[in-house]
């Protein structure tokens, strides 16, 4: 537990330093820092519980670094109005957070430190990042409220599993799912490019919504067909 807390403390220090620097340099609302720290504390609690005293692996530390960027994006939501004219900082943070998604997987394979807990941490952070990017598109008026559906698909699927047993079964690995997840992250980050017309970002986001909807509908259909209670083999 001590090793995990040390990593989490380092992450918190980096987050506070980055949020405070941006807050002061860009003259943003003082809400940015506490909001970012509050979001980080929530993530830290989930990590500490999930690890159950086991130290973070090198790959987990990369994911944690990505988590710092994501929680910084959460904090900056409080200053969306101030950043609307020039979202360069938001775009840069979003792009780095998305690109780092491939780094933790690479580290896990190269150092042979992949774990189930680490994979879960990475997946949940991916889902949360997509939702945060959708919020940014909405607040920057790059897309309508419908864009939130992209980020909410994952949580709706999980919630549906509470009432539908077929949707609670673990999904088999899928290259289609991995590719579409990567496209979602890059696409949403691309929608935040400074100067990009709102019409273009809306069209890109609409395409991403269609793509992610197709992926989830495919998984729902496969889970339903493979439900043992229906007497159908997977």
C-alpha atoms as a PDB file:
ATOM      1  CA  UNK A   1       0.000   0.000   0.000  1.00  0.00           C
ATOM      2  CA  UNK A   2       2.879   2.360   0.793  1.00  0.00           C
ATOM      3  CA  UNK A   3       4.297   1.943  -2.726  1.00  0.00           C
ATOM      4  CA  UNK A   4       0.910   2.759  -4.281  1.00  0.00           C
ATOM      5  CA  UNK A   5       0.453   5.806  -2.074  1.00  0.00           C
ATOM      6  CA  UNK A   6       3.909   7.082  -3.022  1.00  0.00           C
ATOM      7  CA  UNK A   7       3.033   6.897  -6.735  1.00  0.00           C
ATOM      8  CA  UNK A   8      -0.324   8.556  -6.124  1.00  0.00           C
ATOM      9  CA  UNK A   9       1.307  11.319  -4.085  1.00  0.00           C
ATOM     10  CA  UNK A  10       3.793  12.032  -6.869  1.00  0.00           C
ATOM     11  CA  UNK A  11       0.907  12.201  -9.332  1.00  0.00           C
ATOM     12  CA  UNK A  12      -0.977  14.600  -7.069  1.00  0.00           C
ATOM     13  CA  UNK A  13       2.074  16.869  -6.749  1.00  0.00           C
ATOM     14  CA  UNK A  14       2.493  16.975 -10.518  1.00  0.00           C
ATOM     15  CA  UNK A  15      -1.196  17.734 -10.985  1.00  0.00           C
ATOM     16  CA  UNK A  16      -1.185  20.552  -8.433  1.00  0.00           C
ATOM     17  CA  UNK A  17       1.931  22.077  -9.991  1.00  0.00           C
ATOM     18  CA  UNK A  18       0.521  21.914 -13.527  1.00  0.00           C
ATOM     19  CA  UNK A  19      -2.931  23.189 -12.563  1.00  0.00           C
ATOM     20  CA  UNK A  20      -1.502  26.039 -10.483  1.00  0.00           C
ATOM     21  CA  UNK A  21       0.880  27.035 -13.292  1.00  0.00           C
ATOM     22  CA  UNK A  22      -1.883  27.107 -15.903  1.00  0.00           C
ATOM     23  CA  UNK A  23      -4.233  28.864 -13.527  1.00  0.00           C
ATOM     24  CA  UNK A  24      -1.718  31.634 -12.868  1.00  0.00           C
ATOM     25  CA  UNK A  25      -0.224  31.925 -16.375  1.00  0.00           C
ATOM     26  CA  UNK A  26      -3.567  32.038 -18.186  1.00  0.00           C
ATOM     27  CA  UNK A  27      -5.327  33.933 -15.365  1.00  0.00           C
ATOM     28  CA  UNK A  28      -8.026  31.290 -15.033  1.00  0.00           C
ATOM     29  CA  UNK A  29     -10.677  30.889 -12.368  1.00  0.00           C
ATOM     30  CA  UNK A  30      -9.322  29.583  -9.030  1.00  0.00           C
ATOM     31  CA  UNK A  31     -11.802  26.702  -9.280  1.00  0.00           C
ATOM     32  CA  UNK A  32      -9.508  24.905 -11.740  1.00  0.00           C
ATOM     33  CA  UNK A  33      -7.074  23.559  -9.131  1.00  0.00           C
ATOM     34  CA  UNK A  34      -9.579  22.225  -6.558  1.00  0.00           C
ATOM     35  CA  UNK A  35     -11.750  20.674  -9.281  1.00  0.00           C
ATOM     36  CA  UNK A  36      -8.759  18.894 -10.837  1.00  0.00           C
ATOM     37  CA  UNK A  37      -7.557  17.712  -7.426  1.00  0.00           C
ATOM     38  CA  UNK A  38     -11.030  16.495  -6.446  1.00  0.00           C
ATOM     39  CA  UNK A  39     -11.255  14.448  -9.655  1.00  0.00           C
ATOM     40  CA  UNK A  40      -7.755  13.069  -9.062  1.00  0.00           C
ATOM     41  CA  UNK A  41      -8.595  12.032  -5.497  1.00  0.00           C
ATOM     42  CA  UNK A  42     -11.553  10.068  -6.828  1.00  0.00           C
ATOM     43  CA  UNK A  43      -9.294   8.264  -9.289  1.00  0.00           C
ATOM     44  CA  UNK A  44      -6.671   7.690  -6.595  1.00  0.00           C
ATOM     45  CA  UNK A  45      -9.216   6.040  -4.296  1.00  0.00           C
ATOM     46  CA  UNK A  46     -10.321   3.686  -7.067  1.00  0.00           C
ATOM     47  CA  UNK A  47      -6.692   2.771  -7.832  1.00  0.00           C
ATOM     48  CA  UNK A  48      -5.793   2.182  -4.178  1.00  0.00           C
ATOM     49  CA  UNK A  49      -8.797  -0.113  -3.680  1.00  0.00           C
ATOM     50  CA  UNK A  50      -8.251  -2.000  -6.946  1.00  0.00           C
ATOM     51  CA  UNK A  51      -4.543  -2.601  -6.315  1.00  0.00           C
ATOM     52  CA  UNK A  52      -5.223  -3.990  -2.818  1.00  0.00           C
ATOM     53  CA  UNK A  53      -1.702  -3.230  -1.597  1.00  0.00           C
ATOM     54  CA  UNK A  54       0.083  -4.374  -4.764  1.00  0.00           C
ATOM     55  CA  UNK A  55       2.538  -1.815  -6.194  1.00  0.00           C
ATOM     56  CA  UNK A  56       1.968  -0.173  -9.554  1.00  0.00           C
ATOM     57  CA  UNK A  57       3.836  -1.623 -12.495  1.00  0.00           C
ATOM     58  CA  UNK A  58       5.831   0.583 -14.920  1.00  0.00           C
ATOM     59  CA  UNK A  59       2.890   0.388 -17.344  1.00  0.00           C
ATOM     60  CA  UNK A  60       0.497   1.434 -14.563  1.00  0.00           C
ATOM     61  CA  UNK A  61       2.691   4.454 -13.863  1.00  0.00           C
ATOM     62  CA  UNK A  62       2.392   5.529 -17.490  1.00  0.00           C
ATOM     63  CA  UNK A  63      -1.385   5.154 -17.215  1.00  0.00           C
ATOM     64  CA  UNK A  64      -1.313   7.152 -13.983  1.00  0.00           C
ATOM     65  CA  UNK A  65       0.587   9.913 -15.796  1.00  0.00           C
ATOM     66  CA  UNK A  66      -2.151   9.882 -18.410  1.00  0.00           C
ATOM     67  CA  UNK A  67      -4.648  10.090 -15.586  1.00  0.00           C
ATOM     68  CA  UNK A  68      -2.967  13.272 -14.341  1.00  0.00           C
ATOM     69  CA  UNK A  69      -3.522  14.837 -17.769  1.00  0.00           C
ATOM     70  CA  UNK A  70      -7.151  13.706 -17.847  1.00  0.00           C
ATOM     71  CA  UNK A  71      -7.866  15.142 -14.398  1.00  0.00           C
ATOM     72  CA  UNK A  72      -6.178  18.375 -15.447  1.00  0.00           C
ATOM     73  CA  UNK A  73      -8.607  18.506 -18.372  1.00  0.00           C
ATOM     74  CA  UNK A  74     -11.428  18.007 -15.874  1.00  0.00           C
ATOM     75  CA  UNK A  75     -10.200  20.940 -13.786  1.00  0.00           C
ATOM     76  CA  UNK A  76      -9.917  23.175 -16.835  1.00  0.00           C
ATOM     77  CA  UNK A  77     -13.588  22.568 -17.614  1.00  0.00           C
ATOM     78  CA  UNK A  78     -14.279  25.263 -15.019  1.00  0.00           C
ATOM     79  CA  UNK A  79     -12.441  27.733 -17.282  1.00  0.00           C
ATOM     80  CA  UNK A  80     -13.974  26.633 -20.590  1.00  0.00           C
ATOM     81  CA  UNK A  81     -15.356  30.122 -21.200  1.00  0.00           C
ATOM     82  CA  UNK A  82     -11.903  31.680 -20.824  1.00  0.00           C
ATOM     83  CA  UNK A  83     -10.302  29.090 -23.115  1.00  0.00           C
ATOM     84  CA  UNK A  84     -12.973  29.109 -25.827  1.00  0.00           C
ATOM     85  CA  UNK A  85     -11.169  31.685 -27.972  1.00  0.00           C
ATOM     86  CA  UNK A  86      -7.922  29.715 -27.955  1.00  0.00           C
ATOM     87  CA  UNK A  87      -8.239  26.075 -26.826  1.00  0.00           C
ATOM     88  CA  UNK A  88      -4.610  25.301 -27.705  1.00  0.00           C
ATOM     89  CA  UNK A  89      -3.810  24.114 -24.180  1.00  0.00           C
ATOM     90  CA  UNK A  90      -6.865  21.874 -24.113  1.00  0.00           C
ATOM     91  CA  UNK A  91      -6.044  20.397 -27.516  1.00  0.00           C
ATOM     92  CA  UNK A  92      -2.412  19.753 -26.535  1.00  0.00           C
ATOM     93  CA  UNK A  93      -3.351  18.033 -23.275  1.00  0.00           C
ATOM     94  CA  UNK A  94      -6.046  15.960 -24.986  1.00  0.00           C
ATOM     95  CA  UNK A  95      -3.710  14.863 -27.791  1.00  0.00           C
ATOM     96  CA  UNK A  96      -0.929  13.821 -25.402  1.00  0.00           C
ATOM     97  CA  UNK A  97      -3.397  11.946 -23.189  1.00  0.00           C
ATOM     98  CA  UNK A  98      -4.739  10.063 -26.221  1.00  0.00           C
ATOM     99  CA  UNK A  99      -1.311   9.248 -27.673  1.00  0.00           C
ATOM    100  CA  UNK A 100      -0.026   7.974 -24.332  1.00  0.00           C
ATOM    101  CA  UNK A 101      -2.688   5.270 -24.483  1.00  0.00           C
ATOM    102  CA  UNK A 102      -0.413   3.311 -26.792  1.00  0.00           C
ATOM    103  CA  UNK A 103       2.659   3.856 -24.631  1.00  0.00           C
ATOM    104  CA  UNK A 104       1.407   2.056 -21.519  1.00  0.00           C
ATOM    105  CA  UNK A 105       0.511  -0.992 -23.616  1.00  0.00           C
ATOM    106  CA  UNK A 106       3.941  -0.954 -25.225  1.00  0.00           C
ATOM    107  CA  UNK A 107       5.638  -0.726 -21.823  1.00  0.00           C
ATOM    108  CA  UNK A 108       3.492  -3.587 -20.511  1.00  0.00           C
ATOM    109  CA  UNK A 109       4.529  -5.826 -23.404  1.00  0.00           C
ATOM    110  CA  UNK A 110       8.198  -4.864 -23.444  1.00  0.00           C
ATOM    111  CA  UNK A 111       8.654  -5.245 -19.675  1.00  0.00           C
ATOM    112  CA  UNK A 112       6.221  -8.157 -19.366  1.00  0.00           C
ATOM    113  CA  UNK A 113       4.273  -6.361 -16.647  1.00  0.00           C
ATOM    114  CA  UNK A 114       0.734  -6.584 -17.988  1.00  0.00           C
ATOM    115  CA  UNK A 115      -1.869  -7.280 -15.277  1.00  0.00           C
ATOM    116  CA  UNK A 116      -5.635  -7.617 -15.222  1.00  0.00           C
ATOM    117  CA  UNK A 117      -5.902  -4.688 -12.803  1.00  0.00           C
ATOM    118  CA  UNK A 118      -3.696  -2.574 -15.052  1.00  0.00           C
ATOM    119  CA  UNK A 119      -5.785  -3.411 -18.087  1.00  0.00           C
ATOM    120  CA  UNK A 120      -8.947  -2.471 -16.228  1.00  0.00           C
ATOM    121  CA  UNK A 121      -7.392   0.817 -15.075  1.00  0.00           C
ATOM    122  CA  UNK A 122      -6.388   1.637 -18.651  1.00  0.00           C
ATOM    123  CA  UNK A 123      -9.821   0.776 -20.053  1.00  0.00           C
ATOM    124  CA  UNK A 124     -11.761   2.802 -17.499  1.00  0.00           C
ATOM    125  CA  UNK A 125      -9.463   5.788 -17.961  1.00  0.00           C
ATOM    126  CA  UNK A 126     -10.013   5.559 -21.727  1.00  0.00           C
ATOM    127  CA  UNK A 127     -13.780   5.633 -21.208  1.00  0.00           C
ATOM    128  CA  UNK A 128     -13.581   8.582 -18.833  1.00  0.00           C
ATOM    129  CA  UNK A 129     -11.275  10.505 -21.186  1.00  0.00           C
ATOM    130  CA  UNK A 130     -13.778  10.137 -24.029  1.00  0.00           C
ATOM    131  CA  UNK A 131     -16.524  11.540 -21.826  1.00  0.00           C
ATOM    132  CA  UNK A 132     -14.330  14.478 -20.766  1.00  0.00           C
ATOM    133  CA  UNK A 133     -13.463  15.262 -24.397  1.00  0.00           C
ATOM    134  CA  UNK A 134     -17.165  15.179 -25.260  1.00  0.00           C
ATOM    135  CA  UNK A 135     -17.817  17.683 -22.468  1.00  0.00           C
ATOM    136  CA  UNK A 136     -15.144  19.942 -23.932  1.00  0.00           C
ATOM    137  CA  UNK A 137     -16.744  19.802 -27.379  1.00  0.00           C
ATOM    138  CA  UNK A 138     -20.072  20.756 -25.854  1.00  0.00           C
ATOM    139  CA  UNK A 139     -18.696  23.623 -23.745  1.00  0.00           C
ATOM    140  CA  UNK A 140     -16.645  24.991 -26.638  1.00  0.00           C
ATOM    141  CA  UNK A 141     -19.775  24.796 -28.815  1.00  0.00           C
ATOM    142  CA  UNK A 142     -18.050  22.495 -31.293  1.00  0.00           C
ATOM    143  CA  UNK A 143     -21.034  20.102 -31.132  1.00  0.00           C
ATOM    144  CA  UNK A 144     -24.472  19.843 -29.546  1.00  0.00           C
ATOM    145  CA  UNK A 145     -25.439  17.986 -26.373  1.00  0.00           C
ATOM    146  CA  UNK A 146     -25.819  14.820 -28.463  1.00  0.00           C
ATOM    147  CA  UNK A 147     -22.024  14.501 -28.509  1.00  0.00           C
ATOM    148  CA  UNK A 148     -22.179  13.301 -24.903  1.00  0.00           C
ATOM    149  CA  UNK A 149     -23.691  10.068 -26.188  1.00  0.00           C
ATOM    150  CA  UNK A 150     -20.227   9.088 -27.435  1.00  0.00           C
ATOM    151  CA  UNK A 151     -18.832   9.149 -23.906  1.00  0.00           C
ATOM    152  CA  UNK A 152     -21.958   7.783 -22.258  1.00  0.00           C
ATOM    153  CA  UNK A 153     -22.205   4.618 -24.393  1.00  0.00           C
ATOM    154  CA  UNK A 154     -19.729   2.730 -22.206  1.00  0.00           C
ATOM    155  CA  UNK A 155     -21.513   3.654 -18.969  1.00  0.00           C
ATOM    156  CA  UNK A 156     -24.934   2.856 -20.432  1.00  0.00           C
ATOM    157  CA  UNK A 157     -23.643  -0.570 -21.459  1.00  0.00           C
ATOM    158  CA  UNK A 158     -22.311  -1.253 -17.951  1.00  0.00           C
ATOM    159  CA  UNK A 159     -25.539  -0.014 -16.348  1.00  0.00           C
ATOM    160  CA  UNK A 160     -27.603  -2.232 -18.652  1.00  0.00           C
ATOM    161  CA  UNK A 161     -25.554  -5.199 -17.457  1.00  0.00           C
ATOM    162  CA  UNK A 162     -26.957  -4.730 -13.960  1.00  0.00           C
ATOM    163  CA  UNK A 163     -30.399  -5.671 -15.228  1.00  0.00           C
ATOM    164  CA  UNK A 164     -29.585  -7.880 -18.216  1.00  0.00           C
ATOM    165  CA  UNK A 165     -27.468 -10.923 -17.338  1.00  0.00           C
ATOM    166  CA  UNK A 166     -26.356 -11.460 -20.953  1.00  0.00           C
ATOM    167  CA  UNK A 167     -24.562  -8.085 -20.923  1.00  0.00           C
ATOM    168  CA  UNK A 168     -22.591  -8.880 -17.761  1.00  0.00           C
ATOM    169  CA  UNK A 169     -20.577 -11.630 -19.413  1.00  0.00           C
ATOM    170  CA  UNK A 170     -16.955 -10.660 -20.186  1.00  0.00           C
ATOM    171  CA  UNK A 171     -16.478  -9.738 -23.821  1.00  0.00           C
ATOM    172  CA  UNK A 172     -13.811 -11.621 -25.793  1.00  0.00           C
ATOM    173  CA  UNK A 173     -10.822  -9.582 -27.027  1.00  0.00           C
ATOM    174  CA  UNK A 174     -11.665  -7.670 -30.189  1.00  0.00           C
ATOM    175  CA  UNK A 175      -9.391  -5.872 -32.630  1.00  0.00           C
ATOM    176  CA  UNK A 176     -12.456  -4.016 -33.911  1.00  0.00           C
ATOM    177  CA  UNK A 177     -13.134  -2.687 -30.427  1.00  0.00           C
ATOM    178  CA  UNK A 178      -9.522  -1.601 -29.902  1.00  0.00           C
ATOM    179  CA  UNK A 179      -9.315   0.189 -33.256  1.00  0.00           C
ATOM    180  CA  UNK A 180     -12.613   2.004 -32.781  1.00  0.00           C
ATOM    181  CA  UNK A 181     -11.587   3.103 -29.270  1.00  0.00           C
ATOM    182  CA  UNK A 182      -8.350   4.542 -30.666  1.00  0.00           C
ATOM    183  CA  UNK A 183     -10.227   6.293 -33.477  1.00  0.00           C
ATOM    184  CA  UNK A 184     -12.643   7.797 -30.930  1.00  0.00           C
ATOM    185  CA  UNK A 185      -9.836   9.302 -28.887  1.00  0.00           C
ATOM    186  CA  UNK A 186      -7.916  10.697 -31.857  1.00  0.00           C
ATOM    187  CA  UNK A 187     -11.093  11.923 -33.513  1.00  0.00           C
ATOM    188  CA  UNK A 188     -12.390  13.756 -30.445  1.00  0.00           C
ATOM    189  CA  UNK A 189      -8.982  15.301 -29.813  1.00  0.00           C
ATOM    190  CA  UNK A 190      -8.910  16.376 -33.466  1.00  0.00           C
ATOM    191  CA  UNK A 191     -12.264  18.098 -33.006  1.00  0.00           C
ATOM    192  CA  UNK A 192     -10.522  20.386 -30.489  1.00  0.00           C
ATOM    193  CA  UNK A 193      -7.952  21.694 -32.999  1.00  0.00           C
ATOM    194  CA  UNK A 194      -7.799  25.468 -32.572  1.00  0.00           C
ATOM    195  CA  UNK A 195      -9.574  27.266 -35.405  1.00  0.00           C
ATOM    196  CA  UNK A 196     -11.444  24.193 -36.610  1.00  0.00           C
ATOM    197  CA  UNK A 197     -14.943  25.294 -37.757  1.00  0.00           C
ATOM    198  CA  UNK A 198     -17.744  24.055 -35.526  1.00  0.00           C
ATOM    199  CA  UNK A 199     -19.459  22.493 -38.545  1.00  0.00           C
ATOM    200  CA  UNK A 200     -16.447  20.300 -39.261  1.00  0.00           C
ATOM    201  CA  UNK A 201     -16.068  19.204 -35.651  1.00  0.00           C
ATOM    202  CA  UNK A 202     -19.788  18.401 -35.502  1.00  0.00           C
ATOM    203  CA  UNK A 203     -19.554  16.286 -38.645  1.00  0.00           C
ATOM    204  CA  UNK A 204     -16.500  14.439 -37.325  1.00  0.00           C
ATOM    205  CA  UNK A 205     -18.179  13.863 -33.955  1.00  0.00           C
ATOM    206  CA  UNK A 206     -21.334  12.606 -35.690  1.00  0.00           C
ATOM    207  CA  UNK A 207     -19.237  10.074 -37.587  1.00  0.00           C
ATOM    208  CA  UNK A 208     -17.578   8.996 -34.344  1.00  0.00           C
ATOM    209  CA  UNK A 209     -20.983   8.550 -32.699  1.00  0.00           C
ATOM    210  CA  UNK A 210     -22.140   6.317 -35.545  1.00  0.00           C
ATOM    211  CA  UNK A 211     -18.929   4.294 -35.302  1.00  0.00           C
ATOM    212  CA  UNK A 212     -19.042   3.767 -31.531  1.00  0.00           C
ATOM    213  CA  UNK A 213     -22.760   2.994 -31.681  1.00  0.00           C
ATOM    214  CA  UNK A 214     -22.076   0.311 -34.288  1.00  0.00           C
ATOM    215  CA  UNK A 215     -19.403  -1.201 -32.029  1.00  0.00           C
ATOM    216  CA  UNK A 216     -21.609  -1.350 -28.959  1.00  0.00           C
ATOM    217  CA  UNK A 217     -24.653  -2.619 -30.857  1.00  0.00           C
ATOM    218  CA  UNK A 218     -22.452  -5.369 -32.310  1.00  0.00           C
ATOM    219  CA  UNK A 219     -21.280  -6.359 -28.814  1.00  0.00           C
ATOM    220  CA  UNK A 220     -24.825  -6.266 -27.454  1.00  0.00           C
ATOM    221  CA  UNK A 221     -26.067  -8.502 -30.249  1.00  0.00           C
ATOM    222  CA  UNK A 222     -23.174 -10.935 -29.774  1.00  0.00           C
ATOM    223  CA  UNK A 223     -23.741 -11.074 -25.992  1.00  0.00           C
ATOM    224  CA  UNK A 224     -27.444 -11.686 -26.508  1.00  0.00           C
ATOM    225  CA  UNK A 225     -26.857 -14.505 -28.999  1.00  0.00           C
ATOM    226  CA  UNK A 226     -24.272 -16.116 -26.701  1.00  0.00           C
ATOM    227  CA  UNK A 227     -26.491 -16.010 -23.601  1.00  0.00           C
ATOM    228  CA  UNK A 228     -26.645 -19.595 -22.221  1.00  0.00           C
ATOM    229  CA  UNK A 229     -30.117 -18.979 -20.807  1.00  0.00           C
ATOM    230  CA  UNK A 230     -31.392 -18.697 -24.372  1.00  0.00           C
ATOM    231  CA  UNK A 231     -29.904 -22.072 -25.280  1.00  0.00           C
ATOM    232  CA  UNK A 232     -27.650 -20.617 -27.968  1.00  0.00           C
ATOM    233  CA  UNK A 233     -23.942 -21.420 -28.213  1.00  0.00           C
ATOM    234  CA  UNK A 234     -21.481 -18.540 -28.596  1.00  0.00           C
END
